[in-house]
Amino acid sequence: MNKDWYLDIPTLETEHYRLRGMTEADAPLLFAFMSDKDTMKYITPNPVQTTEELKESIESSIQNFYMQKELPWVIVHKQNEEIIGMFRFHKLNLWHQKTEMGVVIRKEYQRTGVMTEILTMMLSFGFTTLGLNRIVGDIFAENKGSQKLLTTFGFHQDGVLRQTDFDGVNFHDTVVYSMLKEEFERKQTIHLLKEALEHSWSLQSSSKWTVDNPACGQCGVTSLVVHDYLGGDIAKTRVDGHWHFFNILNGSRHDFTGSQFAVLPHYDDVPSSREEAYLDTNESQYTYLKQAVKEYIDKRN
């Protein structure tokens, strides 16, 4: 774990957004949207009523930071320097190496890809800098957008807490999602391998390669290289009378050459083998692609 983070809340940046430590001076701008019932409907049915109330909440978060129980940020849009939301790791427990995420995004910036852009960075900070093992999203069951986001990022749905929150009138279920450090690292490995493959495909790995469709003809040799790196199983399905090969990792299908299709095929998930996949390529193509991928990954690491 990096020991410097608890001296000051670190500033983190993506292409379009900057996350900096929250201060009491941010209260008026945060109040503009954190007092809005519609914006806060999946966070709390009773949002803050005054700026002073919000200042007290911010002060509490900052005190929790100094006790290593929370990290609160505001999200700033780099283009106009406006505060467009807040993100925090709360319920932080360094002994158990876990935390929970809390997020509020201004209404006009919701569904514009803000969280899609910043979430990978925040997960990396949590797992790498803080040395956490588990990061949680506990979401109102009605919040389908956030559930879709976490599912897309590979979070595991742990279960539903029935009627766990009360808004003064109704009880609400929440859905608990989590990601473990090992799952995040595997996801990052898969992403890097995909990037390396796309960079390495050429006529040397398949005679069907073209600039417009670099994945064409690469399925057999690619499934072998993926199997070398990640293990799992090789599977196949019929496409236009020919076998198309792909990989099964931890029970999930990963077709690294699926980009060659305008529309993804129907997958029969027929069990296959290295021997069958090798019939779709040759030693020269396999050796080239394996070496090219290794060189790309070594440079990135």
Protein backbone atom coordinates (compact mmCIF):
# COMPACT_ATOMS: atom_id res chain seq x y z
CA MET A 1 0.00 0.00 0.00
CA ASN A 2 1.22 3.51 -0.83
CA LYS A 3 1.60 5.27 2.55
CA ASP A 4 1.42 8.86 1.23
CA TRP A 5 -2.25 9.01 0.27
CA TYR A 6 -3.56 9.80 3.78
CA LEU A 7 -1.51 13.00 4.16
CA ASP A 8 -3.67 14.82 1.59
CA ILE A 9 -6.53 13.61 -0.56
CA PRO A 10 -4.75 12.97 -3.87
CA THR A 11 -5.81 14.63 -7.12
CA LEU A 12 -6.60 12.10 -9.85
CA GLU A 13 -7.17 12.83 -13.54
CA THR A 14 -8.65 11.22 -16.63
CA GLU A 15 -8.84 12.72 -20.11
CA HIS A 16 -11.87 14.90 -19.35
CA TYR A 17 -12.20 14.94 -15.56
CA ARG A 18 -10.22 15.87 -12.47
CA LEU A 19 -11.01 14.49 -9.03
CA ARG A 20 -9.67 16.64 -6.20
CA GLY A 21 -10.18 16.57 -2.47
CA MET A 22 -13.51 17.90 -1.27
CA THR A 23 -13.47 21.03 0.93
CA GLU A 24 -16.09 23.00 2.84
CA ALA A 25 -15.73 25.75 0.24
CA ASP A 26 -17.33 23.36 -2.29
CA ALA A 27 -20.59 23.28 -0.33
CA PRO A 28 -22.51 25.96 -2.32
CA LEU A 29 -21.77 24.33 -5.69
CA LEU A 30 -22.44 20.83 -4.38
CA PHE A 31 -25.66 22.00 -2.72
CA ALA A 32 -27.04 23.08 -6.10
CA PHE A 33 -27.50 19.45 -7.12
CA MET A 34 -27.18 17.46 -3.87
CA SER A 35 -30.30 19.20 -2.56
CA ASP A 36 -32.29 18.14 -5.65
CA LYS A 37 -34.64 15.24 -4.91
CA ASP A 38 -34.57 13.90 -8.45
CA THR A 39 -30.77 13.86 -8.57
CA MET A 40 -30.60 12.19 -5.16
CA LYS A 41 -33.49 9.76 -5.57
CA TYR A 42 -31.21 6.69 -5.65
CA ILE A 43 -28.99 7.99 -2.82
CA THR A 44 -31.43 9.27 -0.21
CA PRO A 45 -35.09 10.33 -0.21
CA ASN A 46 -34.19 13.15 2.17
CA PRO A 47 -31.40 15.26 0.63
CA VAL A 48 -29.74 18.12 2.47
CA GLN A 49 -31.93 21.16 3.10
CA THR A 50 -29.32 23.89 3.64
CA THR A 51 -25.77 24.74 2.68
CA GLU A 52 -24.80 24.66 6.35
CA GLU A 53 -26.11 21.11 6.65
CA LEU A 54 -23.98 20.11 3.67
CA LYS A 55 -20.93 21.86 5.16
CA GLU A 56 -21.35 19.75 8.29
CA SER A 57 -21.52 16.62 6.17
CA ILE A 58 -18.35 17.62 4.28
CA GLU A 59 -16.57 18.38 7.55
CA SER A 60 -17.53 14.92 8.81
CA SER A 61 -16.17 13.34 5.61
CA ILE A 62 -12.89 15.23 5.97
CA GLN A 63 -12.57 14.11 9.60
CA ASN A 64 -13.20 10.55 8.44
CA PHE A 65 -10.40 11.02 5.93
CA TYR A 66 -7.92 11.89 8.68
CA MET A 67 -9.09 8.78 10.54
CA GLN A 68 -8.50 6.77 7.33
CA LYS A 69 -12.18 5.88 7.06
CA GLU A 70 -13.11 7.81 3.92
CA LEU A 71 -11.77 9.63 0.85
CA PRO A 72 -14.14 12.31 -0.55
CA TRP A 73 -13.56 13.93 -3.96
CA VAL A 74 -15.38 16.42 -6.13
CA ILE A 75 -15.48 15.69 -9.87
CA VAL A 76 -14.41 18.66 -11.98
CA HIS A 77 -14.95 18.88 -15.74
CA LYS A 78 -11.64 20.02 -17.23
CA GLN A 79 -13.27 21.84 -20.14
CA ASN A 80 -15.15 24.38 -18.01
CA GLU A 81 -13.75 23.72 -14.50
CA GLU A 82 -17.27 23.14 -13.19
CA ILE A 83 -17.99 20.73 -10.35
CA ILE A 84 -20.22 18.10 -11.91
CA GLY A 85 -20.36 15.53 -9.13
CA MET A 86 -18.78 13.86 -6.16
CA PHE A 87 -17.14 10.49 -5.62
CA ARG A 88 -16.10 8.96 -2.34
CA PHE A 89 -14.68 5.79 -0.91
CA HIS A 90 -16.51 5.42 2.41
CA LYS A 91 -16.85 2.66 4.99
CA LEU A 92 -13.11 2.35 4.35
CA ASN A 93 -11.49 -0.36 6.46
CA LEU A 94 -7.77 -0.81 5.90
CA TRP A 95 -7.54 -3.86 8.15
CA HIS A 96 -10.20 -5.72 6.16
CA GLN A 97 -8.92 -4.00 2.98
CA LYS A 98 -12.33 -2.99 1.70
CA THR A 99 -14.43 0.08 0.93
CA GLU A 100 -17.74 1.14 -0.57
CA MET A 101 -18.27 3.63 -3.39
CA GLY A 102 -20.59 6.63 -3.17
CA VAL A 103 -21.32 8.73 -6.25
CA VAL A 104 -23.52 11.69 -7.15
CA ILE A 105 -23.50 13.15 -10.68
CA ARG A 106 -25.26 16.39 -11.66
CA LYS A 107 -28.46 15.66 -13.56
CA GLU A 108 -27.30 17.21 -16.86
CA TYR A 109 -24.14 15.06 -16.81
CA GLN A 110 -25.86 11.78 -16.03
CA ARG A 111 -25.75 9.17 -18.81
CA THR A 112 -22.94 11.05 -20.58
CA GLY A 113 -20.16 8.57 -19.77
CA VAL A 114 -18.67 10.30 -16.72
CA MET A 115 -18.54 7.17 -14.59
CA THR A 116 -17.50 5.00 -17.52
CA GLU A 117 -14.42 7.21 -17.89
CA ILE A 118 -13.43 7.56 -14.25
CA LEU A 119 -14.33 4.17 -12.76
CA THR A 120 -11.29 2.25 -14.04
CA MET A 121 -9.02 4.93 -12.57
CA MET A 122 -10.79 4.81 -9.21
CA LEU A 123 -10.65 1.02 -9.09
CA SER A 124 -6.95 1.13 -9.90
CA PHE A 125 -6.38 3.67 -7.12
CA GLY A 126 -8.34 1.53 -4.67
CA PHE A 127 -6.69 -1.77 -5.45
CA THR A 128 -3.17 -0.53 -6.21
CA THR A 129 -2.56 2.62 -4.15
CA LEU A 130 -4.76 1.79 -1.17
CA GLY A 131 -3.98 -1.92 -1.38
CA LEU A 132 -7.64 -2.90 -1.05
CA ASN A 133 -8.97 -6.38 -1.71
CA ARG A 134 -12.69 -5.59 -2.12
CA ILE A 135 -14.64 -2.61 -3.48
CA VAL A 136 -18.42 -2.52 -3.12
CA GLY A 137 -21.34 -0.79 -4.80
CA ASP A 138 -24.56 -0.97 -2.76
CA ILE A 139 -27.33 0.27 -5.04
CA PHE A 140 -31.07 0.88 -4.80
CA ALA A 141 -32.81 -1.93 -6.70
CA GLU A 142 -34.59 0.69 -8.82
CA ASN A 143 -31.26 2.13 -10.03
CA LYS A 144 -30.92 0.09 -13.22
CA GLY A 145 -28.33 2.43 -14.78
CA SER A 146 -25.78 1.94 -12.01
CA GLN A 147 -26.42 -1.80 -11.96
CA LYS A 148 -25.74 -1.95 -15.70
CA LEU A 149 -22.51 0.05 -15.26
CA LEU A 150 -21.13 -2.23 -12.56
CA THR A 151 -22.12 -5.36 -14.48
CA THR A 152 -20.36 -4.01 -17.59
CA PHE A 153 -17.22 -3.41 -15.52
CA GLY A 154 -17.28 -7.00 -14.28
CA PHE A 155 -18.60 -6.52 -10.76
CA HIS A 156 -20.14 -9.59 -9.12
CA GLN A 157 -23.71 -9.37 -7.86
CA ASP A 158 -23.43 -10.63 -4.29
CA GLY A 159 -27.11 -10.47 -3.47
CA VAL A 160 -30.15 -8.38 -2.58
CA LEU A 161 -30.68 -6.82 0.85
CA ARG A 162 -34.44 -6.89 1.24
CA GLN A 163 -36.15 -3.72 2.48
CA THR A 164 -32.90 -2.50 4.02
CA ASP A 165 -33.49 1.26 3.51
CA PHE A 166 -36.51 3.27 4.74
CA ASP A 167 -37.40 6.65 3.23
CA GLY A 168 -40.06 7.62 5.76
CA VAL A 169 -42.82 6.06 3.69
CA ASN A 170 -41.52 2.98 1.91
CA PHE A 171 -38.83 0.34 2.42
CA HIS A 172 -36.35 -0.26 -0.41
CA ASP A 173 -34.27 -3.24 -1.48
CA THR A 174 -30.62 -2.64 -2.35
CA VAL A 175 -28.44 -4.77 -4.63
CA VAL A 176 -24.86 -5.37 -3.49
CA TYR A 177 -22.11 -5.63 -6.10
CA SER A 178 -18.43 -6.21 -5.43
CA MET A 179 -15.12 -6.53 -7.21
CA LEU A 180 -12.07 -8.26 -5.75
CA LYS A 181 -8.48 -7.28 -6.42
CA GLU A 182 -7.77 -10.55 -8.23
CA GLU A 183 -10.79 -9.96 -10.49
CA PHE A 184 -9.64 -6.42 -11.29
CA GLU A 185 -6.12 -7.60 -12.08
CA ARG A 186 -7.45 -10.33 -14.35
CA LYS A 187 -9.69 -7.81 -16.11
CA GLN A 188 -6.67 -5.55 -16.65
CA THR A 189 -4.66 -8.49 -17.98
CA ILE A 190 -7.43 -9.36 -20.44
CA HIS A 191 -7.63 -5.73 -21.56
CA LEU A 192 -3.85 -5.54 -22.11
CA LEU A 193 -3.81 -8.85 -23.97
CA LYS A 194 -6.64 -7.68 -26.25
CA GLU A 195 -4.73 -4.47 -26.93
CA ALA A 196 -1.56 -6.44 -27.68
CA LEU A 197 -3.36 -8.78 -30.08
CA GLU A 198 -4.99 -5.93 -32.00
CA HIS A 199 -1.60 -4.24 -32.30
CA SER A 200 0.12 -7.46 -33.44
CA TRP A 201 -2.25 -8.93 -36.02
CA SER A 202 -0.80 -8.75 -39.52
CA LEU A 203 -0.28 -10.77 -42.68
CA GLN A 204 2.36 -12.67 -40.72
CA SER A 205 -0.32 -14.04 -38.39
CA SER A 206 -2.98 -14.65 -41.07
CA SER A 207 -3.06 -14.38 -44.84
CA LYS A 208 -6.64 -13.02 -44.52
CA TRP A 209 -5.53 -9.93 -42.59
CA THR A 210 -6.49 -6.56 -44.10
CA VAL A 211 -6.15 -3.00 -42.88
CA ASP A 212 -9.94 -2.66 -42.84
CA ASN A 213 -10.51 -5.97 -41.04
CA PRO A 214 -7.37 -6.92 -39.09
CA ALA A 215 -9.14 -9.62 -37.03
CA CYS A 216 -10.17 -11.58 -40.13
CA GLY A 217 -8.66 -15.05 -40.23
CA GLN A 218 -7.02 -14.65 -36.82
CA CYS A 219 -9.38 -16.74 -34.69
CA GLY A 220 -7.39 -19.99 -34.49
CA VAL A 221 -3.98 -18.47 -33.83
CA THR A 222 -5.47 -15.92 -31.42
CA SER A 223 -7.28 -18.56 -29.37
CA LEU A 224 -3.96 -20.38 -28.96
CA VAL A 225 -2.08 -17.30 -27.76
CA VAL A 226 -4.90 -16.37 -25.37
CA HIS A 227 -4.82 -19.93 -24.03
CA ASP A 228 -1.06 -19.59 -23.49
CA TYR A 229 -1.56 -16.48 -21.35
CA LEU A 230 -4.84 -17.08 -19.56
CA GLY A 231 -5.55 -20.80 -19.72
CA GLY A 232 -9.22 -21.69 -19.70
CA ASP A 233 -10.77 -23.57 -22.62
CA ILE A 234 -10.95 -23.19 -26.38
CA ALA A 235 -14.39 -23.42 -27.99
CA LYS A 236 -15.77 -23.14 -31.51
CA THR A 237 -18.92 -22.36 -33.47
CA ARG A 238 -19.89 -22.65 -37.14
CA VAL A 239 -19.74 -19.45 -39.19
CA ASP A 240 -20.43 -19.64 -42.94
CA GLY A 241 -19.53 -23.32 -42.99
CA HIS A 242 -16.22 -22.91 -41.16
CA TRP A 243 -15.20 -23.30 -37.54
CA HIS A 244 -14.67 -20.04 -35.65
CA PHE A 245 -12.53 -20.38 -32.52
CA PHE A 246 -12.69 -18.37 -29.29
CA ASN A 247 -11.91 -18.75 -25.58
CA ILE A 248 -13.85 -19.59 -22.43
CA LEU A 249 -12.33 -17.95 -19.33
CA ASN A 250 -13.78 -18.60 -15.88
CA GLY A 251 -16.97 -19.79 -17.52
CA SER A 252 -17.37 -16.65 -19.66
CA ARG A 253 -17.02 -16.46 -23.45
CA HIS A 254 -14.28 -14.16 -24.80
CA ASP A 255 -14.12 -13.77 -28.57
CA PHE A 256 -11.00 -11.66 -29.10
CA THR A 257 -11.54 -11.69 -32.88
CA GLY A 258 -15.26 -10.90 -32.80
CA SER A 259 -14.56 -7.47 -34.27
CA GLN A 260 -14.21 -9.07 -37.71
CA PHE A 261 -18.00 -9.55 -37.85
CA ALA A 262 -20.48 -6.81 -38.67
CA VAL A 263 -22.91 -8.80 -36.50
CA LEU A 264 -21.62 -11.28 -33.93
CA PRO A 265 -22.47 -14.90 -34.81
CA HIS A 266 -24.63 -17.25 -32.80
CA TYR A 267 -22.28 -19.04 -30.43
CA ASP A 268 -22.84 -22.76 -29.96
CA ASP A 269 -19.88 -22.97 -27.53
CA VAL A 270 -18.81 -26.35 -28.89
CA PRO A 271 -15.82 -27.61 -26.84
CA SER A 272 -12.61 -27.62 -28.87
CA SER A 273 -8.88 -28.06 -28.28
CA ARG A 274 -5.47 -26.61 -29.07
CA GLU A 275 -5.03 -29.31 -31.69
CA GLU A 276 -8.17 -28.25 -33.55
CA ALA A 277 -7.37 -24.56 -33.30
CA TYR A 278 -3.88 -25.23 -34.62
CA LEU A 279 -5.41 -26.66 -37.81
CA ASP A 280 -6.64 -23.12 -38.53
CA THR A 281 -3.10 -21.71 -38.49
CA ASN A 282 0.52 -22.88 -38.80
CA GLU A 283 3.74 -22.80 -36.78
CA SER A 284 5.08 -19.69 -38.45
CA GLN A 285 1.93 -17.65 -37.79
CA TYR A 286 1.62 -18.90 -34.23
CA THR A 287 5.26 -18.21 -33.38
CA TYR A 288 5.06 -14.72 -34.88
CA LEU A 289 1.89 -13.72 -33.03
CA LYS A 290 3.05 -15.13 -29.70
CA GLN A 291 6.35 -13.23 -29.94
CA ALA A 292 4.74 -9.99 -31.13
CA VAL A 293 2.25 -10.06 -28.26
CA LYS A 294 5.02 -10.75 -25.74
CA GLU A 295 7.08 -7.82 -26.99
CA TYR A 296 4.09 -5.46 -26.81
CA ILE A 297 3.20 -6.53 -23.25
CA ASP A 298 6.84 -6.31 -22.11
CA LYS A 299 7.01 -2.71 -23.37
CA ARG A 300 3.77 -1.77 -21.60
CA ASN A 301 4.97 -3.31 -18.33
